[in-house]
Protein backbone atom coordinates (compact mmCIF):
# COMPACT_ATOMS: atom_id res chain seq x y z
CA MET A 1 39.26 -57.49 40.24
CA PRO A 2 40.04 -56.29 36.63
CA GLU A 3 43.35 -56.88 35.99
CA LEU A 4 43.60 -55.93 31.91
CA ILE A 5 41.85 -54.11 28.93
CA ALA A 6 42.18 -56.46 25.80
CA ILE A 7 41.27 -54.80 22.44
CA ASP A 8 40.81 -56.47 19.07
CA TRP A 9 40.77 -53.29 16.60
CA GLY A 10 40.91 -54.08 12.79
CA THR A 11 40.18 -52.47 9.79
CA SER A 12 36.19 -53.11 9.87
CA SER A 13 35.38 -54.45 13.58
CA PHE A 14 36.39 -53.30 16.86
CA ARG A 15 36.22 -55.55 20.10
CA ALA A 16 37.34 -55.19 23.47
CA TRP A 17 37.47 -57.17 26.90
CA LEU A 18 37.54 -56.56 30.62
CA LEU A 19 39.39 -59.20 31.86
CA GLY A 20 40.56 -60.42 35.18
CA ALA A 21 42.02 -63.58 37.24
CA GLY A 22 43.54 -65.67 34.60
CA GLY A 23 42.09 -63.81 31.49
CA ALA A 24 38.27 -64.59 32.86
CA VAL A 25 36.25 -62.31 30.68
CA LEU A 26 34.11 -59.68 33.37
CA ASP A 27 32.53 -57.69 30.82
CA GLU A 28 33.13 -57.55 26.84
CA ILE A 29 32.12 -54.99 24.27
CA PRO A 30 31.17 -57.44 21.13
CA SER A 31 31.11 -54.70 18.67
CA GLY A 32 32.04 -51.36 17.30
CA PRO A 33 33.85 -49.34 14.41
CA GLY A 34 36.67 -50.27 12.80
CA ILE A 35 39.49 -47.94 12.20
CA LEU A 36 38.11 -46.75 8.58
CA SER A 37 35.04 -45.62 10.55
CA VAL A 38 36.59 -43.49 12.85
CA PRO A 39 35.64 -39.55 12.71
CA ASP A 40 38.55 -37.34 11.26
CA GLY A 41 41.25 -40.27 12.39
CA ASP A 42 40.37 -39.31 15.91
CA PHE A 43 41.75 -42.61 18.08
CA ASP A 44 41.92 -40.91 20.73
CA ALA A 45 38.34 -40.00 21.46
CA ALA A 46 37.04 -43.03 19.75
CA PHE A 47 39.15 -44.96 22.40
CA GLU A 48 37.31 -43.16 25.75
CA THR A 49 34.20 -43.47 24.17
CA ALA A 50 34.10 -46.68 23.53
CA LEU A 51 36.15 -47.72 26.92
CA GLY A 52 35.16 -44.89 29.35
CA HIS A 53 33.36 -46.37 31.45
CA TRP A 54 35.90 -49.00 32.26
CA LEU A 55 38.37 -46.79 32.57
CA SER A 56 36.57 -44.34 34.82
CA ALA A 57 36.30 -47.11 37.17
CA ASN A 58 39.54 -48.47 36.56
CA PRO A 59 42.28 -45.65 36.04
CA ASP A 60 45.25 -47.16 36.16
CA LEU A 61 44.40 -50.85 34.55
CA PRO A 62 46.69 -51.65 32.28
CA VAL A 63 45.31 -51.76 28.53
CA ILE A 64 46.76 -53.98 25.29
CA ALA A 65 45.19 -53.64 21.78
CA SER A 66 45.97 -55.45 18.66
CA GLY A 67 45.30 -55.49 14.81
CA MET A 68 44.83 -52.49 11.89
CA ILE A 69 45.14 -49.91 15.05
CA THR A 70 48.83 -50.32 14.75
CA SER A 71 49.17 -49.84 10.78
CA ARG A 72 50.08 -46.94 8.73
CA ASN A 73 46.01 -46.12 8.63
CA GLY A 74 45.72 -46.85 12.63
CA TRP A 75 46.12 -44.72 15.32
CA VAL A 76 50.22 -45.68 16.24
CA GLU A 77 52.11 -47.73 13.62
CA THR A 78 54.12 -50.08 14.89
CA PRO A 79 56.80 -52.43 12.86
CA TYR A 80 56.76 -55.70 11.47
CA LEU A 81 58.69 -58.26 12.97
CA PRO A 82 60.72 -61.12 10.91
CA LEU A 83 59.57 -64.37 11.42
CA PRO A 84 59.93 -66.90 13.19
CA LEU A 85 58.45 -65.19 16.04
CA ASP A 86 56.88 -66.62 19.23
CA ALA A 87 54.77 -65.57 21.94
CA ARG A 88 57.69 -63.90 23.72
CA THR A 89 59.05 -61.90 20.68
CA LEU A 90 55.93 -60.00 20.60
CA ALA A 91 56.08 -59.26 23.87
CA HIS A 92 59.13 -58.05 24.22
CA ALA A 93 57.99 -55.92 20.87
CA LEU A 94 55.23 -53.93 22.69
CA THR A 95 55.02 -49.98 22.08
CA ALA A 96 54.04 -47.94 24.29
CA HIS A 97 51.74 -45.29 23.47
CA VAL A 98 50.51 -42.52 25.22
CA THR A 99 46.67 -41.26 24.93
CA LYS A 100 45.97 -37.15 25.46
CA ARG A 101 44.50 -38.01 28.98
CA GLY A 102 47.66 -39.68 29.84
CA ARG A 103 46.84 -43.50 29.78
CA ARG A 104 49.21 -46.06 28.58
CA VAL A 105 48.21 -47.84 25.68
CA HIS A 106 50.82 -51.25 24.83
CA PHE A 107 50.19 -52.14 20.88
CA VAL A 108 50.96 -55.45 19.73
CA THR A 109 53.17 -55.02 16.83
CA GLY A 110 52.76 -57.08 13.18
CA ALA A 111 54.91 -59.72 11.25
CA VAL A 112 56.51 -59.37 8.04
CA ARG A 113 57.50 -62.53 5.59
CA ASN A 114 60.41 -61.76 3.23
CA PRO A 115 61.21 -58.21 3.90
CA ASP A 116 64.40 -57.83 1.52
CA HIS A 117 63.59 -60.56 -0.83
CA GLY A 118 60.90 -62.03 -3.12
CA LEU A 119 57.33 -60.93 -2.36
CA PRO A 120 56.99 -59.81 0.92
CA ASP A 121 53.84 -60.61 2.95
CA VAL A 122 52.38 -59.33 6.38
CA MET A 123 49.89 -59.41 8.88
CA ARG A 124 48.60 -57.03 12.24
CA GLY A 125 46.09 -58.89 14.64
CA GLU A 126 46.29 -62.68 13.24
CA GLU A 127 49.55 -63.64 14.76
CA THR A 128 47.68 -62.98 18.11
CA GLU A 129 44.57 -65.06 17.48
CA ILE A 130 47.43 -67.85 16.61
CA ILE A 131 49.64 -67.22 19.76
CA GLY A 132 46.22 -67.09 21.62
CA HIS A 133 45.20 -70.44 20.64
CA LEU A 134 48.75 -71.84 21.41
CA ALA A 135 48.45 -71.04 24.67
CA ALA A 136 44.76 -72.11 25.22
CA SER A 137 45.46 -75.64 23.20
CA GLY A 138 49.10 -76.34 24.50
CA ALA A 139 49.92 -77.40 20.77
CA ARG A 140 52.89 -76.70 19.11
CA GLU A 141 52.94 -77.50 16.06
CA GLY A 142 49.85 -76.50 12.97
CA LEU A 143 48.61 -75.19 9.72
CA PHE A 144 46.12 -72.17 10.50
CA VAL A 145 43.56 -70.60 8.20
CA LEU A 146 42.43 -67.15 9.24
CA PRO A 147 39.45 -66.31 7.49
CA GLY A 148 38.48 -62.86 6.63
CA THR A 149 38.65 -59.66 4.04
CA HIS A 150 42.35 -61.19 3.44
CA SER A 151 42.45 -64.53 4.81
CA LYS A 152 45.97 -65.76 6.49
CA TRP A 153 47.46 -69.39 5.70
CA ALA A 154 50.45 -69.65 8.36
CA ARG A 155 52.22 -72.82 9.84
CA VAL A 156 53.93 -73.20 13.42
CA GLU A 157 56.62 -75.20 14.05
CA GLY A 158 57.99 -75.55 17.91
CA GLY A 159 55.58 -73.12 19.27
CA ARG A 160 56.37 -70.45 16.64
CA LEU A 161 55.23 -68.74 13.47
CA THR A 162 57.52 -69.67 10.83
CA GLY A 163 55.60 -68.91 7.45
CA PHE A 164 52.31 -67.39 6.35
CA ASN A 165 50.56 -66.16 2.96
CA THR A 166 47.88 -64.00 2.56
CA CYS A 167 45.07 -64.12 0.22
CA MET A 168 42.92 -61.69 -1.06
CA THR A 169 39.41 -64.07 -1.39
CA GLY A 170 36.62 -62.21 0.61
CA GLU A 171 37.75 -58.70 -0.93
CA VAL A 172 37.76 -59.84 -4.43
CA PHE A 173 34.17 -61.81 -3.60
CA ALA A 174 32.99 -58.39 -2.51
CA ILE A 175 33.93 -56.55 -5.34
CA LEU A 176 32.87 -59.03 -7.66
CA ARG A 177 29.38 -59.59 -6.44
CA ASP A 178 28.78 -55.54 -5.70
CA HIS A 179 30.86 -53.70 -8.61
CA SER A 180 30.71 -56.22 -11.64
CA ILE A 181 28.88 -57.87 -14.69
CA LEU A 182 28.94 -61.34 -12.30
CA GLY A 183 26.48 -59.58 -9.50
CA LYS A 184 23.98 -58.09 -12.08
CA LEU A 185 21.96 -61.58 -11.70
CA ALA A 186 22.53 -62.15 -8.14
CA GLY A 187 19.46 -61.95 -6.39
CA ASP A 188 18.78 -61.92 -2.59
CA GLY A 189 18.00 -65.86 -1.27
CA PRO A 190 18.57 -67.64 2.01
CA LEU A 191 21.47 -69.66 2.38
CA SER A 192 22.28 -72.23 -0.54
CA PRO A 193 24.61 -74.89 0.58
CA ASP A 194 23.87 -76.38 -2.78
CA ALA A 195 25.46 -73.57 -4.55
CA PHE A 196 28.13 -73.24 -2.31
CA LEU A 197 29.32 -76.96 -2.80
CA ARG A 198 28.35 -76.87 -6.76
CA GLY A 199 31.65 -73.38 -6.42
CA LEU A 200 33.30 -75.62 -4.21
CA GLU A 201 33.80 -78.23 -7.30
CA THR A 202 34.31 -75.39 -9.97
CA GLY A 203 36.94 -73.82 -7.42
CA ARG A 204 39.16 -77.19 -7.29
CA ALA A 205 38.81 -77.95 -10.81
CA ASN A 206 41.60 -76.89 -13.60
CA GLY A 207 42.19 -74.16 -15.65
CA ALA A 208 42.29 -70.14 -15.14
CA LEU A 209 40.53 -68.80 -12.03
CA LEU A 210 39.20 -65.56 -14.44
CA ALA A 211 38.06 -68.40 -16.74
CA ARG A 212 36.25 -70.08 -14.29
CA ILE A 213 34.73 -67.21 -12.27
CA PHE A 214 32.71 -66.31 -15.36
CA SER A 215 30.60 -69.47 -14.79
CA ALA A 216 28.30 -67.38 -11.79
CA ARG A 217 27.27 -65.16 -14.63
CA SER A 218 26.84 -68.19 -17.37
CA LEU A 219 25.22 -70.64 -15.35
CA ALA A 220 22.96 -68.30 -14.40
CA LEU A 221 22.28 -67.10 -17.96
CA MET A 222 21.34 -70.43 -18.73
CA ASP A 223 18.72 -70.99 -15.77
CA ARG A 224 20.95 -73.35 -14.29
CA LEU A 225 21.93 -71.04 -11.30
CA GLU A 226 18.56 -69.50 -9.72
CA GLY A 227 19.71 -65.29 -8.73
CA GLY A 228 19.75 -66.34 -5.30
CA GLU A 229 22.27 -69.10 -5.82
CA VAL A 230 24.73 -66.61 -7.26
CA ALA A 231 26.46 -65.23 -4.31
CA ASP A 232 26.96 -68.56 -2.68
CA TYR A 233 28.28 -70.02 -5.86
CA LEU A 234 31.20 -67.85 -6.22
CA SER A 235 31.65 -67.74 -2.33
CA GLY A 236 32.60 -71.75 -2.93
CA LEU A 237 34.55 -70.80 -6.40
CA LEU A 238 36.55 -68.22 -4.58
CA ILE A 239 37.01 -70.12 -1.12
CA GLY A 240 37.56 -73.52 -3.05
CA ASP A 241 40.50 -72.20 -5.57
CA GLU A 242 42.08 -70.48 -2.40
CA VAL A 243 41.53 -73.78 -0.70
CA ALA A 244 43.50 -76.36 -3.68
CA ALA A 245 46.07 -74.04 -3.66
CA ALA A 246 46.71 -74.05 -0.10
CA LEU A 247 46.57 -77.90 0.44
CA ALA A 248 49.04 -78.44 -2.93
CA SER A 249 51.80 -76.49 -0.71
CA ALA A 250 51.16 -77.69 2.63
CA ARG A 251 49.70 -80.83 4.26
CA GLY A 252 48.21 -81.84 7.66
CA ALA A 253 45.26 -81.06 9.73
CA VAL A 254 43.99 -77.33 9.59
CA THR A 255 42.63 -75.03 12.49
CA VAL A 256 39.91 -72.46 11.05
CA ILE A 257 40.65 -69.37 13.89
CA GLY A 258 37.49 -67.74 12.74
CA ARG A 259 33.51 -66.51 13.61
CA GLY A 260 30.31 -66.89 12.20
CA ASP A 261 29.71 -68.45 8.97
CA LEU A 262 32.47 -67.57 7.06
CA ALA A 263 34.74 -69.71 9.47
CA GLU A 264 32.20 -72.78 8.86
CA ARG A 265 32.65 -72.32 5.30
CA TYR A 266 36.47 -72.88 4.74
CA ARG A 267 35.68 -75.63 7.27
CA VAL A 268 33.67 -77.10 5.04
CA ALA A 269 35.32 -76.11 2.26
CA LEU A 270 38.71 -78.10 3.60
CA SER A 271 36.32 -81.28 4.44
CA HIS A 272 35.58 -81.10 1.18
CA ALA A 273 38.63 -81.00 -0.22
CA GLY A 274 40.16 -84.01 1.82
CA ALA A 275 41.53 -82.33 4.51
CA GLU A 276 40.80 -83.17 8.32
CA ALA A 277 39.44 -79.34 9.65
CA ALA A 278 38.63 -78.39 13.08
CA LEU A 279 37.08 -75.30 14.26
CA ALA A 280 38.93 -73.35 16.93
CA ALA A 281 37.44 -71.95 20.11
CA PRO A 282 36.22 -68.52 20.18
CA GLY A 283 38.22 -66.05 21.86
CA MET A 284 41.86 -65.99 20.41
CA ALA A 285 42.41 -62.63 19.85
CA ARG A 286 41.50 -62.27 23.80
CA ALA A 287 43.33 -65.41 24.83
CA GLY A 288 46.45 -64.12 22.84
CA LEU A 289 46.47 -60.58 24.23
CA TRP A 290 46.44 -61.96 27.41
CA GLU A 291 49.14 -64.52 26.97
CA ILE A 292 51.89 -60.89 25.15
CA ALA A 293 50.67 -59.12 28.12
CA LYS A 294 51.50 -61.48 30.51
CA LEU A 295 55.25 -62.21 28.79
CA ALA A 296 55.53 -58.42 28.69
CA GLY A 297 55.01 -58.05 32.42
CA VAL A 298 52.03 -55.77 31.83
CA ILE A 299 49.97 -57.37 34.20
CA GLY A 300 51.65 -59.42 36.86
């Protein structure tokens, strides 16, 4: 029997689950267009198109969503909550929205660090994945990295999110590869673990990052890096630099919350830097949405 529709709606991705007792997955939509791909910003229509078959069969089923869908570029902008925060804090801050067809959607808000002083930082969606991991594993402490276009490094203490930092590594990699001179010598080719490891070494080296980045071109010019290896080398260099900086200020085992090749790259990079690293089980966004909905009384 369905009990909840859970949605993880990001900048470039959409995932949804039809959940039953205990959060069991009854059906899922594994991929779909992110918020920037919604025609004319008509999120009501995109919502009905993606989930109409579930909604028609279960018109009174509660819906909960997290991610960039709650950003200024999304459907309903929700306020950021200051740190520290936990699952119950997020549950008490849900924003309810009624669609044009009268369906109620509960939006999970984001988190903010240093809103009034220093350099502020924000996240939307990652807090839900962290809550999901805590609920699924029973953990109360830990250092986490959530790889992505904008990677998040987060600290949990006593079951509460107490700090985080954002690194624009994924976006910078895409810009350098596709829109800079570094990508001019890059060619297509299979994944090169050796080139990635070479990049990690350079990423962990001393000196200005912007100077080390140019080696992705100079090594290729000297025929010391094949065209098909340039992208993996550059990926390793940027991730290596990010990991080195993170580990310089935070010690202990690291849990990688993410999917696919990128999460594995971060696990390899952490291990290469001498840190204990493990991949979280899949489905943390889904688990977090279930936990928050339960604590909010959205589901019984």
